[in-house]
Protein backbone atom coordinates (compact mmCIF):
# COMPACT_ATOMS: atom_id res chain seq x y z
CA UNK A 1 -3.79 -1.85 -9.11
CA UNK A 2 -1.48 0.44 -10.99
CA UNK A 3 -1.57 3.96 -9.63
CA UNK A 4 -3.54 3.95 -6.37
CA UNK A 5 -1.03 2.43 -3.92
CA UNK A 6 0.89 5.63 -3.22
CA UNK A 7 -2.24 7.81 -2.79
CA UNK A 8 -3.87 5.08 -0.67
CA UNK A 9 -0.88 5.17 1.68
CA UNK A 10 -1.24 8.94 1.79
CA UNK A 11 -4.92 8.66 2.69
CA UNK A 12 -4.23 6.03 5.36
CA UNK A 13 -1.65 8.29 7.01
CA UNK A 14 -3.95 11.30 6.92
CA UNK A 15 -6.75 9.24 8.49
CA UNK A 16 -4.43 8.04 11.25
CA UNK A 17 -3.44 11.63 11.95
CA UNK A 18 -7.10 12.59 12.25
CA UNK A 19 -7.87 9.64 14.51
CA UNK A 20 -5.01 10.08 16.97
CA UNK A 21 -5.63 13.80 17.23
CA UNK A 22 -2.14 14.83 16.20
CA UNK A 23 -1.62 16.90 13.10
CA UNK A 24 -0.31 15.02 10.12
CA UNK A 25 3.38 15.57 9.65
CA UNK A 26 5.21 15.16 6.36
CA UNK A 27 7.22 12.31 7.92
CA UNK A 28 4.04 10.46 8.93
CA UNK A 29 2.45 10.94 5.51
CA UNK A 30 5.59 9.90 3.62
CA UNK A 31 5.86 6.81 5.84
CA UNK A 32 2.28 5.85 5.00
CA UNK A 33 3.01 6.36 1.32
CA UNK A 34 6.14 4.20 1.60
CA UNK A 35 4.08 1.46 3.24
CA UNK A 36 1.53 1.77 0.46
CA UNK A 37 4.07 0.89 -2.22
CA UNK A 38 6.43 -1.33 -0.22
CA UNK A 39 4.83 -4.70 -1.07
CA UNK A 40 5.68 -4.13 -4.73
CA UNK A 41 9.38 -4.37 -3.87
CA UNK A 42 8.93 -8.00 -4.85
CA UNK A 43 8.58 -6.88 -8.47
CA UNK A 44 12.29 -6.09 -8.44
CA UNK A 45 13.18 -9.49 -7.05
CA UNK A 46 10.91 -11.23 -9.52
CA UNK A 47 12.38 -9.35 -12.46
CA UNK A 48 16.01 -9.70 -11.39
CA UNK A 49 16.12 -13.16 -9.82
CA UNK A 50 13.44 -15.46 -11.20
CA UNK A 51 12.58 -13.79 -14.49
CA UNK A 52 8.91 -13.47 -13.54
CA UNK A 53 8.32 -17.23 -13.35
CA UNK A 54 6.49 -16.86 -10.03
CA UNK A 55 3.55 -14.49 -9.56
CA UNK A 56 4.98 -11.63 -7.50
CA UNK A 57 2.00 -11.78 -5.13
CA UNK A 58 3.39 -15.08 -3.86
CA UNK A 59 6.50 -13.45 -2.42
CA UNK A 60 6.53 -12.48 1.25
CA UNK A 61 5.71 -8.74 0.83
CA UNK A 62 2.29 -9.68 -0.57
CA UNK A 63 1.39 -12.34 2.00
CA UNK A 64 -1.11 -11.19 4.66
CA UNK A 65 0.31 -13.70 7.16
CA UNK A 66 3.63 -11.85 7.06
CA UNK A 67 1.97 -8.50 7.77
CA UNK A 68 -0.23 -9.98 10.50
CA UNK A 69 2.89 -11.44 12.14
CA UNK A 70 4.72 -8.13 11.83
CA UNK A 71 1.71 -6.40 13.39
CA UNK A 72 1.75 -8.83 16.29
CA UNK A 73 5.47 -8.17 16.82
CA UNK A 74 4.78 -4.45 16.70
CA UNK A 75 2.10 -4.82 19.37
CA UNK A 76 4.48 -6.83 21.53
CA UNK A 77 7.13 -4.12 21.16
CA UNK A 78 4.65 -1.34 21.93
CA UNK A 79 6.02 -0.57 25.39
CA UNK A 80 9.57 -0.31 24.08
CA UNK A 81 8.73 2.22 21.37
CA UNK A 82 8.01 5.87 21.98
CA UNK A 83 4.81 7.29 20.53
CA UNK A 84 6.46 8.78 17.44
CA UNK A 85 8.05 5.46 16.41
CA UNK A 86 4.88 3.56 17.25
CA UNK A 87 2.85 5.89 15.03
CA UNK A 88 5.36 5.66 12.16
CA UNK A 89 5.52 1.86 12.30
CA UNK A 90 1.75 1.65 12.54
CA UNK A 91 1.12 3.94 9.60
CA UNK A 92 3.68 2.03 7.50
CA UNK A 93 1.82 -1.19 8.29
CA UNK A 94 -1.52 0.43 7.51
CA UNK A 95 -0.15 1.55 4.15
CA UNK A 96 0.99 -2.01 3.43
CA UNK A 97 -2.45 -3.39 4.38
CA UNK A 98 -4.07 -0.84 2.06
CA UNK A 99 -1.83 -2.22 -0.70
CA UNK A 100 -3.05 -5.76 -0.08
CA UNK A 101 -6.68 -4.67 0.02
CA UNK A 102 -6.36 -2.74 -3.23
CA UNK A 103 -4.61 -5.66 -4.90
CA UNK A 104 -7.56 -7.80 -3.85
CA UNK A 105 -9.93 -5.81 -6.05
CA UNK A 106 -8.63 -7.02 -9.40
CA UNK A 107 -5.45 -8.88 -8.51
CA UNK A 108 -4.74 -12.07 -6.65
CA UNK A 109 -3.89 -12.12 -2.96
CA UNK A 110 -3.32 -15.37 -1.10
CA UNK A 111 -5.31 -14.36 2.00
CA UNK A 112 -5.36 -17.84 3.55
CA UNK A 113 -1.81 -18.92 2.73
CA UNK A 114 -0.26 -21.27 3.99
CA UNK A 115 -3.48 -23.06 4.90
CA UNK A 116 -5.05 -22.65 1.48
CA UNK A 117 -3.05 -22.14 -1.71
CA UNK A 118 -5.80 -20.18 -3.46
CA UNK A 119 -5.69 -16.56 -4.59
CA UNK A 120 -8.65 -14.29 -3.89
CA UNK A 121 -9.84 -11.39 -5.99
CA UNK A 122 -13.10 -9.45 -6.07
CA UNK A 123 -13.24 -9.28 -9.86
CA UNK A 124 -11.59 -11.00 -12.78
CA UNK A 125 -10.48 -8.74 -15.57
CA UNK A 126 -11.05 -10.45 -18.90
CA UNK A 127 -8.20 -10.51 -21.42
CA UNK A 128 -9.91 -8.72 -24.28
CA UNK A 129 -7.05 -6.58 -25.55
CA UNK A 130 -3.69 -7.81 -26.82
CA UNK A 131 -1.76 -5.58 -24.43
CA UNK A 132 -2.34 -6.86 -20.90
CA UNK A 133 -2.19 -3.41 -19.28
CA UNK A 134 -4.93 -2.10 -21.57
CA UNK A 135 -7.30 -4.65 -20.07
CA UNK A 136 -6.75 -3.03 -16.67
CA UNK A 137 -6.94 0.57 -17.85
CA UNK A 138 -10.25 0.01 -19.65
CA UNK A 139 -11.87 -2.02 -16.85
CA UNK A 140 -14.31 -0.32 -14.45
CA UNK A 141 -11.99 -1.10 -11.52
CA UNK A 142 -9.56 1.50 -12.84
CA UNK A 143 -12.19 4.12 -11.96
CA UNK A 144 -11.72 3.08 -8.31
CA UNK A 145 -8.02 3.85 -8.65
CA UNK A 146 -8.73 7.22 -10.24
CA UNK A 147 -11.13 8.04 -7.39
CA UNK A 148 -8.47 7.23 -4.78
CA UNK A 149 -5.92 9.40 -6.62
CA UNK A 150 -8.44 12.24 -6.95
CA UNK A 151 -9.36 12.05 -3.26
CA UNK A 152 -5.70 12.20 -2.21
CA UNK A 153 -5.03 15.19 -4.49
CA UNK A 154 -8.17 16.91 -3.24
CA UNK A 155 -7.27 16.40 0.43
CA UNK A 156 -3.73 17.65 -0.14
CA UNK A 157 -5.08 20.71 -1.97
CA UNK A 158 -7.50 21.47 0.87
CA UNK A 159 -5.12 20.89 3.79
CA UNK A 160 -1.57 20.63 2.41
CA UNK A 161 0.99 18.71 4.39
CA UNK A 162 3.60 17.67 1.85
CA UNK A 163 4.43 21.21 0.79
CA UNK A 164 5.73 21.84 4.31
CA UNK A 165 8.44 19.22 3.85
CA UNK A 166 11.92 20.61 3.43
CA UNK A 167 12.89 18.94 0.14
CA UNK A 168 16.33 20.52 -0.05
CA UNK A 169 19.21 18.75 1.69
CA UNK A 170 20.92 20.62 4.47
CA UNK A 171 24.02 22.45 3.29
């Protein structure tokens, strides 16, 4: 996925806000968005440290076992966290899980690592065009990304939350 991770994190946070009965706050939504893009932090490491020799989905931010373990730790720490921190941590994790699910559409995610060293993907995008990114943009799966982006923009236009954020630093 190219463009849907940030809006998917937004949508996850808005859904959590609906479910828990508390209004979505800019902080909650931005945390969900951060979780939605966080797994791609490994792109920086791959580019700077190993020159892209290893598929970035093999680094820890893209491994479901890591996020399942973090979720278990979060559940164990539940009693020590107040509700606001619990909600923020949970929505960050949900954003990260949305990232892994979206990457599973047309990318490779090692869902059963370390027990099985096999990537899983719903579809394979054939290399038809010389530029690799054009293969993704012209594949039907890109329409899924556009739909996620459109839904996030629509929801924000109907019930804005991000415009209430104070973007200016305190003076």
